[in-house]
Amino acid sequence: MSCGAPVVCSNRTSLPEVVGDAALSVDPEDTQALVEAMRSVLSDTSLAIDLRARSLQRAAQFSWRKTATETLAAYQEALARSKK
């Protein structure tokens, strides 16, 4: 996503939460759905362009700095609660 690639991914685990509306999400056990999603991305230029733009916007919401800051805040909150 951070490269602006159109994304097709599984609709299971945390992936739908991560990709939001910036990807086509399919049941990983549904081969036909996966084929159709990949075919759509490869043959529908406007869909590919839209997903590329959404991928870049979505990926920009994530960073290692943000992850570190939020992890530190969670640890600090847990520590503060344990002292009560």
N, C-alpha and C. Protein backbone atom coordinates (compact mmCIF):
# COMPACT_ATOMS: atom_id res chain seq x y z
N MET A 1 0.82 -1.19 0.00
CA MET A 1 0.00 0.00 0.00
C MET A 1 0.86 1.25 0.00
N SER A 2 1.94 1.22 0.74
CA SER A 2 2.78 2.41 0.83
C SER A 2 3.47 2.74 -0.50
N CYS A 3 3.46 1.79 -1.42
CA CYS A 3 4.04 2.03 -2.75
C CYS A 3 2.97 2.48 -3.74
N GLY A 4 1.72 2.53 -3.30
CA GLY A 4 0.64 2.93 -4.19
C GLY A 4 0.13 1.80 -5.05
N ALA A 5 0.39 0.58 -4.65
CA ALA A 5 -0.10 -0.56 -5.41
C ALA A 5 -1.57 -0.82 -5.06
N PRO A 6 -2.38 -1.18 -6.04
CA PRO A 6 -3.75 -1.59 -5.70
C PRO A 6 -3.66 -2.92 -4.95
N VAL A 7 -4.45 -3.04 -3.89
CA VAL A 7 -4.33 -4.19 -3.00
C VAL A 7 -5.56 -5.07 -3.03
N VAL A 8 -5.31 -6.38 -3.10
CA VAL A 8 -6.33 -7.40 -2.90
C VAL A 8 -5.85 -8.21 -1.71
N CYS A 9 -6.69 -8.33 -0.69
CA CYS A 9 -6.25 -9.06 0.50
C CYS A 9 -7.38 -9.85 1.12
N SER A 10 -7.02 -10.63 2.11
CA SER A 10 -7.97 -11.45 2.85
C SER A 10 -8.92 -10.56 3.66
N ASN A 11 -10.14 -11.04 3.82
CA ASN A 11 -11.09 -10.31 4.66
C ASN A 11 -11.13 -10.88 6.08
N ARG A 12 -10.06 -11.55 6.46
CA ARG A 12 -9.98 -12.15 7.79
C ARG A 12 -8.88 -11.51 8.62
N THR A 13 -8.82 -11.88 9.86
CA THR A 13 -7.88 -11.37 10.86
C THR A 13 -7.98 -9.85 10.94
N SER A 14 -6.88 -9.17 11.06
CA SER A 14 -6.90 -7.71 11.22
C SER A 14 -6.80 -6.97 9.89
N LEU A 15 -6.66 -7.70 8.80
CA LEU A 15 -6.44 -7.03 7.51
C LEU A 15 -7.55 -6.07 7.11
N PRO A 16 -8.84 -6.41 7.27
CA PRO A 16 -9.87 -5.42 6.90
C PRO A 16 -9.74 -4.12 7.69
N GLU A 17 -9.37 -4.22 8.95
CA GLU A 17 -9.18 -3.03 9.77
C GLU A 17 -7.99 -2.22 9.27
N VAL A 18 -6.95 -2.89 8.86
CA VAL A 18 -5.74 -2.20 8.39
C VAL A 18 -5.98 -1.51 7.05
N VAL A 19 -6.56 -2.21 6.10
CA VAL A 19 -6.71 -1.65 4.76
C VAL A 19 -7.90 -0.72 4.61
N GLY A 20 -8.89 -0.85 5.50
CA GLY A 20 -10.08 0.00 5.39
C GLY A 20 -10.73 -0.16 4.04
N ASP A 21 -11.06 0.96 3.40
CA ASP A 21 -11.69 0.89 2.08
C ASP A 21 -10.67 1.07 0.95
N ALA A 22 -9.40 0.88 1.28
CA ALA A 22 -8.33 1.09 0.30
C ALA A 22 -7.92 -0.19 -0.41
N ALA A 23 -8.70 -1.25 -0.26
CA ALA A 23 -8.35 -2.53 -0.90
C ALA A 23 -9.62 -3.30 -1.21
N LEU A 24 -9.47 -4.28 -2.07
CA LEU A 24 -10.54 -5.26 -2.27
C LEU A 24 -10.25 -6.41 -1.32
N SER A 25 -11.19 -6.70 -0.45
CA SER A 25 -11.02 -7.77 0.53
C SER A 25 -11.90 -8.95 0.14
N VAL A 26 -11.30 -10.12 0.16
CA VAL A 26 -12.04 -11.32 -0.25
C VAL A 26 -11.81 -12.46 0.74
N ASP A 27 -12.72 -13.40 0.73
CA ASP A 27 -12.59 -14.61 1.54
C ASP A 27 -11.39 -15.39 1.01
N PRO A 28 -10.38 -15.65 1.83
CA PRO A 28 -9.17 -16.33 1.34
C PRO A 28 -9.42 -17.77 0.91
N GLU A 29 -10.56 -18.32 1.29
CA GLU A 29 -10.88 -19.69 0.88
C GLU A 29 -11.74 -19.74 -0.38
N ASP A 30 -12.12 -18.58 -0.88
CA ASP A 30 -12.96 -18.49 -2.08
C ASP A 30 -12.07 -18.14 -3.27
N THR A 31 -11.59 -19.18 -3.93
CA THR A 31 -10.66 -18.99 -5.05
C THR A 31 -11.28 -18.14 -6.14
N GLN A 32 -12.55 -18.35 -6.43
CA GLN A 32 -13.20 -17.59 -7.50
C GLN A 32 -13.27 -16.11 -7.15
N ALA A 33 -13.56 -15.78 -5.89
CA ALA A 33 -13.60 -14.38 -5.47
C ALA A 33 -12.22 -13.73 -5.60
N LEU A 34 -11.20 -14.48 -5.25
CA LEU A 34 -9.83 -13.97 -5.37
C LEU A 34 -9.49 -13.71 -6.83
N VAL A 35 -9.82 -14.65 -7.69
CA VAL A 35 -9.58 -14.49 -9.13
C VAL A 35 -10.31 -13.27 -9.66
N GLU A 36 -11.58 -13.12 -9.30
CA GLU A 36 -12.37 -11.99 -9.78
C GLU A 36 -11.81 -10.66 -9.29
N ALA A 37 -11.40 -10.61 -8.03
CA ALA A 37 -10.83 -9.37 -7.50
C ALA A 37 -9.53 -9.01 -8.22
N MET A 38 -8.68 -10.00 -8.42
CA MET A 38 -7.42 -9.75 -9.12
C MET A 38 -7.68 -9.34 -10.57
N ARG A 39 -8.62 -10.00 -11.21
CA ARG A 39 -8.97 -9.67 -12.59
C ARG A 39 -9.50 -8.24 -12.66
N SER A 40 -10.33 -7.86 -11.69
CA SER A 40 -10.87 -6.50 -11.67
C SER A 40 -9.77 -5.45 -11.56
N VAL A 41 -8.84 -5.69 -10.66
CA VAL A 41 -7.74 -4.74 -10.46
C VAL A 41 -6.88 -4.64 -11.71
N LEU A 42 -6.69 -5.76 -12.38
CA LEU A 42 -5.82 -5.77 -13.57
C LEU A 42 -6.51 -5.25 -14.83
N SER A 43 -7.82 -5.34 -14.90
CA SER A 43 -8.51 -4.97 -16.13
C SER A 43 -9.29 -3.67 -16.04
N ASP A 44 -9.63 -3.23 -14.86
CA ASP A 44 -10.41 -2.00 -14.69
C ASP A 44 -9.47 -0.87 -14.27
N THR A 45 -9.08 -0.08 -15.25
CA THR A 45 -8.09 0.98 -15.01
C THR A 45 -8.57 1.98 -13.97
N SER A 46 -9.83 2.36 -14.02
CA SER A 46 -10.32 3.35 -13.05
C SER A 46 -10.32 2.77 -11.64
N LEU A 47 -10.63 1.49 -11.48
CA LEU A 47 -10.57 0.84 -10.17
C LEU A 47 -9.13 0.82 -9.67
N ALA A 48 -8.20 0.45 -10.53
CA ALA A 48 -6.79 0.39 -10.14
C ALA A 48 -6.29 1.77 -9.71
N ILE A 49 -6.64 2.80 -10.46
CA ILE A 49 -6.22 4.16 -10.13
C ILE A 49 -6.81 4.58 -8.79
N ASP A 50 -8.09 4.28 -8.57
CA ASP A 50 -8.75 4.62 -7.31
C ASP A 50 -8.10 3.89 -6.14
N LEU A 51 -7.84 2.59 -6.30
CA LEU A 51 -7.22 1.83 -5.22
C LEU A 51 -5.79 2.30 -4.94
N ARG A 52 -5.07 2.69 -5.98
CA ARG A 52 -3.71 3.21 -5.78
C ARG A 52 -3.75 4.47 -4.91
N ALA A 53 -4.66 5.38 -5.24
CA ALA A 53 -4.77 6.62 -4.48
C ALA A 53 -5.19 6.33 -3.04
N ARG A 54 -6.16 5.45 -2.88
CA ARG A 54 -6.62 5.10 -1.53
C ARG A 54 -5.51 4.40 -0.73
N SER A 55 -4.72 3.57 -1.42
CA SER A 55 -3.62 2.88 -0.75
C SER A 55 -2.62 3.86 -0.16
N LEU A 56 -2.25 4.85 -0.95
CA LEU A 56 -1.30 5.85 -0.47
C LEU A 56 -1.87 6.64 0.70
N GLN A 57 -3.14 7.02 0.61
CA GLN A 57 -3.76 7.77 1.70
C GLN A 57 -3.84 6.92 2.96
N ARG A 58 -4.21 5.66 2.81
CA ARG A 58 -4.35 4.78 3.97
C ARG A 58 -2.98 4.51 4.60
N ALA A 59 -1.99 4.21 3.77
CA ALA A 59 -0.65 3.91 4.28
C ALA A 59 -0.06 5.11 5.02
N ALA A 60 -0.42 6.31 4.61
CA ALA A 60 0.10 7.52 5.26
C ALA A 60 -0.40 7.65 6.70
N GLN A 61 -1.45 6.92 7.04
CA GLN A 61 -1.99 6.97 8.40
C GLN A 61 -1.16 6.14 9.38
N PHE A 62 -0.22 5.36 8.86
CA PHE A 62 0.59 4.48 9.69
C PHE A 62 2.06 4.90 9.61
N SER A 63 2.74 4.84 10.76
CA SER A 63 4.18 5.11 10.77
C SER A 63 4.77 4.42 11.99
N TRP A 64 6.06 4.18 11.93
CA TRP A 64 6.74 3.59 13.08
C TRP A 64 6.75 4.55 14.25
N ARG A 65 6.86 5.84 13.98
CA ARG A 65 6.86 6.84 15.05
C ARG A 65 5.51 6.81 15.78
N LYS A 66 4.43 6.77 15.02
CA LYS A 66 3.09 6.73 15.63
C LYS A 66 2.93 5.44 16.44
N THR A 67 3.39 4.34 15.90
CA THR A 67 3.31 3.06 16.61
C THR A 67 4.07 3.12 17.93
N ALA A 68 5.28 3.66 17.89
CA ALA A 68 6.10 3.76 19.10
C ALA A 68 5.45 4.68 20.13
N THR A 69 4.92 5.81 19.68
CA THR A 69 4.28 6.76 20.58
C THR A 69 3.06 6.14 21.25
N GLU A 70 2.23 5.45 20.46
CA GLU A 70 1.03 4.85 21.02
C GLU A 70 1.36 3.66 21.92
N THR A 71 2.40 2.91 21.60
CA THR A 71 2.83 1.80 22.46
C THR A 71 3.34 2.34 23.79
N LEU A 72 4.15 3.37 23.75
CA LEU A 72 4.66 3.98 24.98
C LEU A 72 3.50 4.49 25.83
N ALA A 73 2.54 5.13 25.22
CA ALA A 73 1.38 5.65 25.97
C ALA A 73 0.61 4.51 26.62
N ALA A 74 0.45 3.40 25.92
CA ALA A 74 -0.25 2.25 26.49
C ALA A 74 0.51 1.68 27.68
N TYR A 75 1.83 1.59 27.58
CA TYR A 75 2.64 1.11 28.69
C TYR A 75 2.55 2.06 29.88
N GLN A 76 2.60 3.34 29.61
CA GLN A 76 2.52 4.32 30.69
C GLN A 76 1.16 4.25 31.39
N GLU A 77 0.11 4.08 30.62
CA GLU A 77 -1.23 3.95 31.20
C GLU A 77 -1.33 2.68 32.04
N ALA A 78 -0.81 1.57 31.54
CA ALA A 78 -0.84 0.32 32.29
C ALA A 78 -0.05 0.44 33.58
N LEU A 79 1.09 1.11 33.53
CA LEU A 79 1.91 1.31 34.72
C LEU A 79 1.18 2.17 35.75
N ALA A 80 0.56 3.23 35.28
CA ALA A 80 -0.19 4.13 36.17
C ALA A 80 -1.34 3.39 36.83
N ARG A 81 -2.03 2.54 36.09
CA ARG A 81 -3.15 1.77 36.65
C ARG A 81 -2.65 0.74 37.67
N SER A 82 -1.49 0.17 37.42
CA SER A 82 -0.97 -0.85 38.35
C SER A 82 -0.55 -0.25 39.69
N LYS A 83 -0.29 1.06 39.71
CA LYS A 83 0.13 1.73 40.94
C LYS A 83 -1.04 2.16 41.79
N LYS A 84 -2.26 2.06 41.27
CA LYS A 84 -3.46 2.48 42.01
C LYS A 84 -3.91 1.42 42.98
